[in-house]
Amino acid sequence: MVEILAVRLTPRGGRDAIDGWAADADGRPYLKVRVACPPVDGAANAALLAFLAKTLKIPRSAVRLASGDTARLKRLELDGVTADDLARAFGARP
């Protein structure tokens, strides 16, 4: 089972934190996340993946970047995570 999670990443956010859910212009939900790392050589992406794995209490290898390597809006694949797990960790999607 693979859950797809849309994330809007803010690098150099001062600290690693979840800023809640939002929706794009088409109504698709995404999770707002900030990390302290700068967007240099993939450091912010690596910090994002590690932070979400820790928050969801899953192995780092279970979190993969599916798209958006250099974009702020990213799609992640999460192995072994359900929509209920995401709701418990980050609150209900809008």
N, C-alpha and C. Protein backbone atom coordinates (compact mmCIF):
# COMPACT_ATOMS: atom_id res chain seq x y z
N MET A 1 0.83 -1.17 0.00
CA MET A 1 0.00 0.00 0.00
C MET A 1 0.89 1.24 0.00
N VAL A 2 0.62 2.13 -0.94
CA VAL A 2 1.39 3.37 -1.06
C VAL A 2 0.42 4.55 -0.99
N GLU A 3 0.67 5.45 -0.09
CA GLU A 3 -0.13 6.67 0.03
C GLU A 3 0.63 7.80 -0.66
N ILE A 4 -0.06 8.61 -1.43
CA ILE A 4 0.55 9.77 -2.09
C ILE A 4 0.23 11.00 -1.24
N LEU A 5 1.26 11.79 -0.96
CA LEU A 5 1.10 12.99 -0.16
C LEU A 5 1.68 14.18 -0.91
N ALA A 6 0.87 15.21 -1.11
CA ALA A 6 1.35 16.45 -1.72
C ALA A 6 1.85 17.35 -0.60
N VAL A 7 3.03 17.93 -0.80
CA VAL A 7 3.67 18.77 0.22
C VAL A 7 4.16 20.05 -0.43
N ARG A 8 3.93 21.17 0.24
CA ARG A 8 4.53 22.45 -0.17
C ARG A 8 5.64 22.73 0.82
N LEU A 9 6.87 22.68 0.35
CA LEU A 9 8.05 22.80 1.21
C LEU A 9 8.56 24.23 1.25
N THR A 10 8.86 24.69 2.47
CA THR A 10 9.51 25.99 2.67
C THR A 10 10.89 25.74 3.26
N PRO A 11 11.95 25.83 2.45
CA PRO A 11 13.29 25.67 2.99
C PRO A 11 13.71 26.93 3.75
N ARG A 12 14.73 26.81 4.57
CA ARG A 12 15.20 27.91 5.42
C ARG A 12 14.06 28.47 6.26
N GLY A 13 13.22 27.58 6.77
CA GLY A 13 12.05 27.99 7.54
C GLY A 13 12.34 28.26 9.01
N GLY A 14 13.59 28.19 9.40
CA GLY A 14 13.96 28.46 10.79
C GLY A 14 13.96 27.23 11.67
N ARG A 15 13.06 26.31 11.40
CA ARG A 15 12.97 25.06 12.17
C ARG A 15 12.20 24.05 11.33
N ASP A 16 12.28 22.80 11.72
CA ASP A 16 11.50 21.77 11.05
C ASP A 16 10.12 21.73 11.70
N ALA A 17 9.06 21.95 10.90
CA ALA A 17 7.72 22.01 11.47
C ALA A 17 6.66 21.75 10.40
N ILE A 18 5.51 21.30 10.87
CA ILE A 18 4.32 21.14 10.04
C ILE A 18 3.48 22.40 10.24
N ASP A 19 3.09 23.05 9.15
CA ASP A 19 2.29 24.26 9.24
C ASP A 19 0.83 24.03 8.89
N GLY A 20 0.40 22.79 8.79
CA GLY A 20 -1.00 22.46 8.54
C GLY A 20 -1.32 22.21 7.07
N TRP A 21 -2.61 22.03 6.82
CA TRP A 21 -3.10 21.72 5.48
C TRP A 21 -3.57 22.99 4.78
N ALA A 22 -3.51 22.97 3.47
CA ALA A 22 -4.06 24.01 2.62
C ALA A 22 -4.55 23.33 1.35
N ALA A 23 -5.22 24.10 0.49
CA ALA A 23 -5.71 23.55 -0.77
C ALA A 23 -5.28 24.47 -1.90
N ASP A 24 -4.96 23.86 -3.05
CA ASP A 24 -4.58 24.67 -4.20
C ASP A 24 -5.82 25.24 -4.88
N ALA A 25 -5.64 25.92 -5.98
CA ALA A 25 -6.75 26.58 -6.68
C ALA A 25 -7.81 25.59 -7.16
N ASP A 26 -7.41 24.34 -7.39
CA ASP A 26 -8.35 23.31 -7.84
C ASP A 26 -8.97 22.54 -6.68
N GLY A 27 -8.64 22.92 -5.45
CA GLY A 27 -9.20 22.26 -4.28
C GLY A 27 -8.45 21.03 -3.81
N ARG A 28 -7.30 20.74 -4.41
CA ARG A 28 -6.51 19.57 -3.99
C ARG A 28 -5.73 19.93 -2.74
N PRO A 29 -5.81 19.08 -1.70
CA PRO A 29 -5.11 19.39 -0.45
C PRO A 29 -3.61 19.12 -0.53
N TYR A 30 -2.84 19.93 0.19
CA TYR A 30 -1.41 19.69 0.35
C TYR A 30 -1.02 20.07 1.76
N LEU A 31 0.06 19.46 2.23
CA LEU A 31 0.57 19.71 3.57
C LEU A 31 1.67 20.75 3.50
N LYS A 32 1.60 21.77 4.35
CA LYS A 32 2.64 22.80 4.38
C LYS A 32 3.69 22.38 5.41
N VAL A 33 4.94 22.29 4.94
CA VAL A 33 6.04 21.86 5.80
C VAL A 33 7.20 22.83 5.64
N ARG A 34 7.86 23.14 6.75
CA ARG A 34 9.08 23.97 6.69
C ARG A 34 10.24 23.17 7.25
N VAL A 35 11.41 23.39 6.69
CA VAL A 35 12.64 22.78 7.20
C VAL A 35 13.69 23.87 7.35
N ALA A 36 14.64 23.65 8.23
CA ALA A 36 15.68 24.64 8.49
C ALA A 36 16.75 24.65 7.40
N CYS A 37 16.92 23.54 6.69
CA CYS A 37 17.99 23.42 5.69
C CYS A 37 17.73 24.31 4.48
N PRO A 38 18.80 24.79 3.85
CA PRO A 38 18.66 25.56 2.61
C PRO A 38 18.42 24.62 1.42
N PRO A 39 17.86 25.13 0.33
CA PRO A 39 17.61 24.30 -0.85
C PRO A 39 18.86 24.14 -1.71
N VAL A 40 19.91 23.61 -1.14
CA VAL A 40 21.18 23.46 -1.84
C VAL A 40 21.55 21.98 -1.89
N ASP A 41 21.86 21.49 -3.08
CA ASP A 41 22.29 20.09 -3.28
C ASP A 41 21.33 19.07 -2.67
N GLY A 42 20.03 19.37 -2.70
CA GLY A 42 19.04 18.42 -2.20
C GLY A 42 18.93 18.33 -0.69
N ALA A 43 19.58 19.24 0.04
CA ALA A 43 19.56 19.18 1.51
C ALA A 43 18.15 19.38 2.07
N ALA A 44 17.38 20.30 1.49
CA ALA A 44 16.03 20.54 1.98
C ALA A 44 15.13 19.34 1.71
N ASN A 45 15.28 18.71 0.55
CA ASN A 45 14.49 17.51 0.24
C ASN A 45 14.84 16.38 1.21
N ALA A 46 16.12 16.18 1.47
CA ALA A 46 16.55 15.13 2.40
C ALA A 46 16.00 15.39 3.80
N ALA A 47 16.04 16.66 4.22
CA ALA A 47 15.51 17.02 5.53
C ALA A 47 14.01 16.78 5.60
N LEU A 48 13.30 17.09 4.51
CA LEU A 48 11.86 16.85 4.45
C LEU A 48 11.54 15.38 4.61
N LEU A 49 12.22 14.53 3.85
CA LEU A 49 11.96 13.10 3.90
C LEU A 49 12.25 12.53 5.29
N ALA A 50 13.37 12.94 5.88
CA ALA A 50 13.74 12.47 7.21
C ALA A 50 12.74 12.95 8.26
N PHE A 51 12.32 14.21 8.17
CA PHE A 51 11.37 14.79 9.12
C PHE A 51 10.02 14.09 9.06
N LEU A 52 9.51 13.84 7.85
CA LEU A 52 8.22 13.16 7.72
C LEU A 52 8.30 11.72 8.19
N ALA A 53 9.41 11.04 7.90
CA ALA A 53 9.57 9.66 8.37
C ALA A 53 9.56 9.62 9.90
N LYS A 54 10.26 10.54 10.52
CA LYS A 54 10.30 10.60 11.98
C LYS A 54 8.92 10.92 12.55
N THR A 55 8.23 11.89 11.96
CA THR A 55 6.91 12.29 12.43
C THR A 55 5.91 11.15 12.30
N LEU A 56 5.96 10.41 11.19
CA LEU A 56 5.04 9.30 10.96
C LEU A 56 5.49 7.99 11.61
N LYS A 57 6.70 8.01 12.19
CA LYS A 57 7.28 6.82 12.84
C LYS A 57 7.37 5.64 11.88
N ILE A 58 7.92 5.94 10.69
CA ILE A 58 8.18 4.91 9.69
C ILE A 58 9.65 5.02 9.28
N PRO A 59 10.21 3.96 8.68
CA PRO A 59 11.61 4.04 8.25
C PRO A 59 11.80 5.10 7.17
N ARG A 60 12.94 5.72 7.15
CA ARG A 60 13.27 6.73 6.15
C ARG A 60 13.14 6.16 4.74
N SER A 61 13.45 4.89 4.57
CA SER A 61 13.36 4.24 3.26
C SER A 61 11.92 4.11 2.76
N ALA A 62 10.93 4.31 3.63
CA ALA A 62 9.52 4.20 3.25
C ALA A 62 8.97 5.51 2.69
N VAL A 63 9.80 6.56 2.65
CA VAL A 63 9.38 7.86 2.14
C VAL A 63 10.21 8.19 0.91
N ARG A 64 9.53 8.38 -0.25
CA ARG A 64 10.23 8.66 -1.49
C ARG A 64 9.66 9.90 -2.15
N LEU A 65 10.53 10.65 -2.79
CA LEU A 65 10.12 11.83 -3.57
C LEU A 65 9.71 11.35 -4.95
N ALA A 66 8.42 11.46 -5.28
CA ALA A 66 7.92 10.99 -6.56
C ALA A 66 8.07 12.05 -7.64
N SER A 67 7.86 13.32 -7.27
CA SER A 67 8.03 14.41 -8.23
C SER A 67 8.22 15.72 -7.48
N GLY A 68 8.76 16.70 -8.19
CA GLY A 68 8.96 18.02 -7.61
C GLY A 68 10.32 18.22 -6.97
N ASP A 69 11.33 17.58 -7.51
CA ASP A 69 12.67 17.64 -6.94
C ASP A 69 13.14 19.08 -6.71
N THR A 70 12.91 19.96 -7.67
CA THR A 70 13.36 21.35 -7.54
C THR A 70 12.20 22.32 -7.35
N ALA A 71 10.97 21.83 -7.27
CA ALA A 71 9.80 22.68 -7.09
C ALA A 71 9.42 22.77 -5.61
N ARG A 72 8.65 23.76 -5.26
CA ARG A 72 8.18 23.88 -3.87
C ARG A 72 7.09 22.86 -3.59
N LEU A 73 6.25 22.57 -4.59
CA LEU A 73 5.19 21.58 -4.42
C LEU A 73 5.71 20.22 -4.85
N LYS A 74 5.67 19.28 -3.94
CA LYS A 74 6.25 17.95 -4.17
C LYS A 74 5.19 16.88 -3.95
N ARG A 75 5.39 15.75 -4.61
CA ARG A 75 4.54 14.58 -4.38
C ARG A 75 5.42 13.49 -3.79
N LEU A 76 5.00 12.98 -2.65
CA LEU A 76 5.75 11.95 -1.96
C LEU A 76 4.98 10.65 -1.96
N GLU A 77 5.70 9.54 -2.01
CA GLU A 77 5.12 8.22 -1.87
C GLU A 77 5.51 7.70 -0.50
N LEU A 78 4.50 7.27 0.26
CA LEU A 78 4.73 6.78 1.62
C LEU A 78 4.30 5.32 1.69
N ASP A 79 5.24 4.42 1.94
CA ASP A 79 4.93 2.99 2.07
C ASP A 79 4.42 2.68 3.46
N GLY A 80 3.36 1.86 3.52
CA GLY A 80 2.85 1.40 4.80
C GLY A 80 2.12 2.45 5.60
N VAL A 81 1.64 3.49 4.94
CA VAL A 81 0.92 4.56 5.61
C VAL A 81 -0.47 4.65 5.01
N THR A 82 -1.47 4.83 5.87
CA THR A 82 -2.85 4.98 5.41
C THR A 82 -3.29 6.43 5.56
N ALA A 83 -4.43 6.76 4.99
CA ALA A 83 -4.99 8.11 5.14
C ALA A 83 -5.29 8.39 6.60
N ASP A 84 -5.68 7.36 7.36
CA ASP A 84 -5.93 7.53 8.80
C ASP A 84 -4.64 7.88 9.55
N ASP A 85 -3.53 7.26 9.16
CA ASP A 85 -2.24 7.58 9.78
C ASP A 85 -1.88 9.05 9.54
N LEU A 86 -2.12 9.53 8.32
CA LEU A 86 -1.83 10.92 8.00
C LEU A 86 -2.72 11.86 8.80
N ALA A 87 -4.00 11.51 8.95
CA ALA A 87 -4.93 12.34 9.72
C ALA A 87 -4.51 12.40 11.19
N ARG A 88 -4.05 11.27 11.74
CA ARG A 88 -3.61 11.27 13.14
C ARG A 88 -2.36 12.13 13.33
N ALA A 89 -1.44 12.09 12.38
CA ALA A 89 -0.19 12.82 12.51
C ALA A 89 -0.32 14.31 12.19
N PHE A 90 -1.15 14.65 11.18
CA PHE A 90 -1.17 16.02 10.67
C PHE A 90 -2.55 16.67 10.75
N GLY A 91 -3.55 15.98 11.23
CA GLY A 91 -4.91 16.51 11.25
C GLY A 91 -5.64 16.14 9.97
N ALA A 92 -6.94 16.41 9.97
CA ALA A 92 -7.79 16.04 8.83
C ALA A 92 -7.48 16.95 7.63
N ARG A 93 -7.52 16.36 6.45
CA ARG A 93 -7.33 17.13 5.22
C ARG A 93 -8.54 18.02 4.99
N PRO A 94 -8.33 19.18 4.38
CA PRO A 94 -9.47 20.08 4.12
C PRO A 94 -10.41 19.50 3.07
